[in-house]
Amino acid sequence: MNLDSAIAAHTEWKIKLRSAIERCEAVDAATIAADNCCELGRWLQGEGKRAHGASVMFSDLGTKHTAFHRAAGQVAREINARNYDAATQLLGAGTTYAAASSAVGVAISALKREIAKAA
């Protein structure tokens, strides 16, 4: 798993969600809200768990990753309900989404450092 790519992929969600708002396009809210539908989520539940499941950093990342997808799913549901102002507000600074996005990036970086130290 390329953890740098995982950081980039999760950062791109904000861009994708903003684009859907601007274009008034529906999104797949169920998939966005699921923590096992992205590459990182599949790794966390499979190969990553087998290799790093005993790590506190790994567990922390899993928790934060789930919270991120729940927050992104909430934005997606607002988009699909055509509540574009509410969806935009949910993406703003100081929101649950912003905190979850930042937290997952920090957690990925922390796990990456831990893995590098162990190598």
C-alpha atoms as a PDB file:
ATOM      1  CA  MET A   1       0.000   0.000   0.000  1.00  0.00           C
ATOM      2  CA  ASN A   2       1.366   3.367  -0.963  1.00  0.00           C
ATOM      3  CA  LEU A   3       0.419   5.511   2.010  1.00  0.00           C
ATOM      4  CA  ASP A   4       1.364   8.733   0.205  1.00  0.00           C
ATOM      5  CA  SER A   5      -1.193   7.850  -2.468  1.00  0.00           C
ATOM      6  CA  ALA A   6      -3.751   7.178   0.262  1.00  0.00           C
ATOM      7  CA  ILE A   7      -3.215  10.681   1.660  1.00  0.00           C
ATOM      8  CA  ALA A   8      -3.653  12.161  -1.814  1.00  0.00           C
ATOM      9  CA  ALA A   9      -6.768  10.089  -2.517  1.00  0.00           C
ATOM     10  CA  HIS A  10      -8.458  11.192   0.683  1.00  0.00           C
ATOM     11  CA  THR A  11      -7.500  14.809   0.078  1.00  0.00           C
ATOM     12  CA  GLU A  12      -9.100  14.580  -3.379  1.00  0.00           C
ATOM     13  CA  TRP A  13     -12.495  13.748  -1.861  1.00  0.00           C
ATOM     14  CA  LYS A  14     -13.051  17.387  -0.982  1.00  0.00           C
ATOM     15  CA  ILE A  15     -12.383  18.362  -4.596  1.00  0.00           C
ATOM     16  CA  LYS A  16     -14.748  15.664  -5.880  1.00  0.00           C
ATOM     17  CA  LEU A  17     -17.493  16.676  -3.473  1.00  0.00           C
ATOM     18  CA  ARG A  18     -17.113  20.383  -4.285  1.00  0.00           C
ATOM     19  CA  SER A  19     -17.245  19.534  -7.987  1.00  0.00           C
ATOM     20  CA  ALA A  20     -20.484  17.587  -7.475  1.00  0.00           C
ATOM     21  CA  ILE A  21     -21.948  20.590  -5.654  1.00  0.00           C
ATOM     22  CA  GLU A  22     -20.909  22.993  -8.406  1.00  0.00           C
ATOM     23  CA  ARG A  23     -22.297  20.726 -11.126  1.00  0.00           C
ATOM     24  CA  CYS A  24     -25.389  19.725  -9.139  1.00  0.00           C
ATOM     25  CA  GLU A  25     -24.465  16.091  -9.751  1.00  0.00           C
ATOM     26  CA  ALA A  26     -25.565  13.160  -7.607  1.00  0.00           C
ATOM     27  CA  VAL A  27     -22.869  11.049  -5.989  1.00  0.00           C
ATOM     28  CA  ASP A  28     -22.771   7.493  -4.648  1.00  0.00           C
ATOM     29  CA  ALA A  29     -23.330   8.370  -0.990  1.00  0.00           C
ATOM     30  CA  ALA A  30     -23.375   4.753   0.201  1.00  0.00           C
ATOM     31  CA  THR A  31     -19.977   4.023  -1.296  1.00  0.00           C
ATOM     32  CA  ILE A  32     -18.510   7.309  -0.079  1.00  0.00           C
ATOM     33  CA  ALA A  33     -19.768   6.630   3.452  1.00  0.00           C
ATOM     34  CA  ALA A  34     -18.348   3.094   3.495  1.00  0.00           C
ATOM     35  CA  ASP A  35     -14.853   2.766   4.915  1.00  0.00           C
ATOM     36  CA  ASN A  36     -14.100  -0.389   2.954  1.00  0.00           C
ATOM     37  CA  CYS A  37     -14.711   0.778  -0.606  1.00  0.00           C
ATOM     38  CA  CYS A  38     -11.515   2.766  -1.161  1.00  0.00           C
ATOM     39  CA  GLU A  39      -8.042   1.325  -1.625  1.00  0.00           C
ATOM     40  CA  LEU A  40      -6.946   2.328   1.878  1.00  0.00           C
ATOM     41  CA  GLY A  41     -10.060   0.833   3.440  1.00  0.00           C
ATOM     42  CA  ARG A  42      -9.547  -2.482   1.679  1.00  0.00           C
ATOM     43  CA  TRP A  43      -5.902  -2.497   2.810  1.00  0.00           C
ATOM     44  CA  LEU A  44      -6.868  -1.643   6.395  1.00  0.00           C
ATOM     45  CA  GLN A  45      -9.261  -4.574   6.512  1.00  0.00           C
ATOM     46  CA  GLY A  46      -7.016  -7.016   4.671  1.00  0.00           C
ATOM     47  CA  GLU A  47      -3.285  -6.988   4.076  1.00  0.00           C
ATOM     48  CA  GLY A  48      -2.638  -4.040   6.388  1.00  0.00           C
ATOM     49  CA  LYS A  49      -4.494  -5.677   9.254  1.00  0.00           C
ATOM     50  CA  ARG A  50      -2.526  -8.893   8.814  1.00  0.00           C
ATOM     51  CA  ALA A  51       0.780  -6.998   8.779  1.00  0.00           C
ATOM     52  CA  HIS A  52       0.112  -4.209  11.293  1.00  0.00           C
ATOM     53  CA  GLY A  53      -3.058  -5.147  13.177  1.00  0.00           C
ATOM     54  CA  ALA A  54      -1.317  -5.145  16.571  1.00  0.00           C
ATOM     55  CA  SER A  55      -0.140  -1.549  16.121  1.00  0.00           C
ATOM     56  CA  VAL A  56      -1.863   1.218  18.062  1.00  0.00           C
ATOM     57  CA  MET A  57      -1.133   3.572  15.135  1.00  0.00           C
ATOM     58  CA  PHE A  58      -2.824   1.138  12.768  1.00  0.00           C
ATOM     59  CA  SER A  59      -5.897   0.944  15.000  1.00  0.00           C
ATOM     60  CA  ASP A  60      -5.993   4.726  15.312  1.00  0.00           C
ATOM     61  CA  LEU A  61      -5.881   5.083  11.538  1.00  0.00           C
ATOM     62  CA  GLY A  62      -8.762   2.639  11.171  1.00  0.00           C
ATOM     63  CA  THR A  63     -10.902   4.639  13.585  1.00  0.00           C
ATOM     64  CA  LYS A  64     -10.082   7.945  11.925  1.00  0.00           C
ATOM     65  CA  HIS A  65     -10.593   6.506   8.450  1.00  0.00           C
ATOM     66  CA  THR A  66     -14.078   5.341   9.407  1.00  0.00           C
ATOM     67  CA  ALA A  67     -14.901   8.783  10.847  1.00  0.00           C
ATOM     68  CA  PHE A  68     -13.693  10.437   7.645  1.00  0.00           C
ATOM     69  CA  HIS A  69     -15.945   8.309   5.451  1.00  0.00           C
ATOM     70  CA  ARG A  70     -18.934   8.931   7.735  1.00  0.00           C
ATOM     71  CA  ALA A  71     -18.372  12.686   7.444  1.00  0.00           C
ATOM     72  CA  ALA A  72     -17.890  12.482   3.673  1.00  0.00           C
ATOM     73  CA  GLY A  73     -21.043  10.381   3.440  1.00  0.00           C
ATOM     74  CA  GLN A  74     -22.992  13.092   5.250  1.00  0.00           C
ATOM     75  CA  VAL A  75     -21.800  15.641   2.689  1.00  0.00           C
ATOM     76  CA  ALA A  76     -22.734  13.255  -0.119  1.00  0.00           C
ATOM     77  CA  ARG A  77     -26.243  12.771   1.278  1.00  0.00           C
ATOM     78  CA  GLU A  78     -26.749  16.549   1.377  1.00  0.00           C
ATOM     79  CA  ILE A  79     -25.573  16.781  -2.233  1.00  0.00           C
ATOM     80  CA  ASN A  80     -28.018  14.088  -3.291  1.00  0.00           C
ATOM     81  CA  ALA A  81     -30.809  15.862  -1.421  1.00  0.00           C
ATOM     82  CA  ARG A  82     -29.903  18.965  -3.453  1.00  0.00           C
ATOM     83  CA  ASN A  83     -29.030  20.810  -0.239  1.00  0.00           C
ATOM     84  CA  TYR A  84     -25.987  22.369  -1.855  1.00  0.00           C
ATOM     85  CA  ASP A  85     -25.579  25.188   0.673  1.00  0.00           C
ATOM     86  CA  ALA A  86     -25.631  22.685   3.536  1.00  0.00           C
ATOM     87  CA  ALA A  87     -23.165  20.433   1.708  1.00  0.00           C
ATOM     88  CA  THR A  88     -20.847  23.379   1.122  1.00  0.00           C
ATOM     89  CA  GLN A  89     -21.042  24.332   4.787  1.00  0.00           C
ATOM     90  CA  LEU A  90     -20.213  20.757   5.815  1.00  0.00           C
ATOM     91  CA  LEU A  91     -16.982  20.986   3.792  1.00  0.00           C
ATOM     92  CA  GLY A  92     -15.908  24.246   5.435  1.00  0.00           C
ATOM     93  CA  ALA A  93     -13.194  24.942   7.971  1.00  0.00           C
ATOM     94  CA  GLY A  94     -13.924  23.870  11.519  1.00  0.00           C
ATOM     95  CA  THR A  95     -16.441  21.215  10.501  1.00  0.00           C
ATOM     96  CA  THR A  96     -16.587  17.534  11.333  1.00  0.00           C
ATOM     97  CA  TYR A  97     -15.501  16.806   7.755  1.00  0.00           C
ATOM     98  CA  ALA A  98     -12.499  19.140   7.979  1.00  0.00           C
ATOM     99  CA  ALA A  99     -11.407  17.638  11.299  1.00  0.00           C
ATOM    100  CA  ALA A 100     -11.862  14.086  10.052  1.00  0.00           C
ATOM    101  CA  SER A 101      -9.975  14.819   6.835  1.00  0.00           C
ATOM    102  CA  SER A 102      -7.053  16.315   8.730  1.00  0.00           C
ATOM    103  CA  ALA A 103      -7.063  13.505  11.301  1.00  0.00           C
ATOM    104  CA  VAL A 104      -6.935  10.762   8.686  1.00  0.00           C
ATOM    105  CA  GLY A 105      -4.004  12.452   6.947  1.00  0.00           C
ATOM    106  CA  VAL A 106      -2.114  12.766  10.237  1.00  0.00           C
ATOM    107  CA  ALA A 107      -2.891   9.144  11.124  1.00  0.00           C
ATOM    108  CA  ILE A 108      -1.679   7.875   7.749  1.00  0.00           C
ATOM    109  CA  SER A 109       1.556   9.835   8.173  1.00  0.00           C
ATOM    110  CA  ALA A 110       2.034   8.489  11.701  1.00  0.00           C
ATOM    111  CA  LEU A 111       1.560   4.900  10.562  1.00  0.00           C
ATOM    112  CA  LYS A 112       3.910   5.492   7.650  1.00  0.00           C
ATOM    113  CA  ARG A 113       6.619   6.703  10.080  1.00  0.00           C
ATOM    114  CA  GLU A 114       6.043   3.732  12.362  1.00  0.00           C
ATOM    115  CA  ILE A 115       6.348   1.276   9.489  1.00  0.00           C
ATOM    116  CA  ALA A 116       9.532   2.992   8.281  1.00  0.00           C
ATOM    117  CA  LYS A 117      11.100   2.759  11.755  1.00  0.00           C
ATOM    118  CA  ALA A 118      10.292  -0.941  11.964  1.00  0.00           C
ATOM    119  CA  ALA A 119      11.856  -1.665   8.563  1.00  0.00           C
END
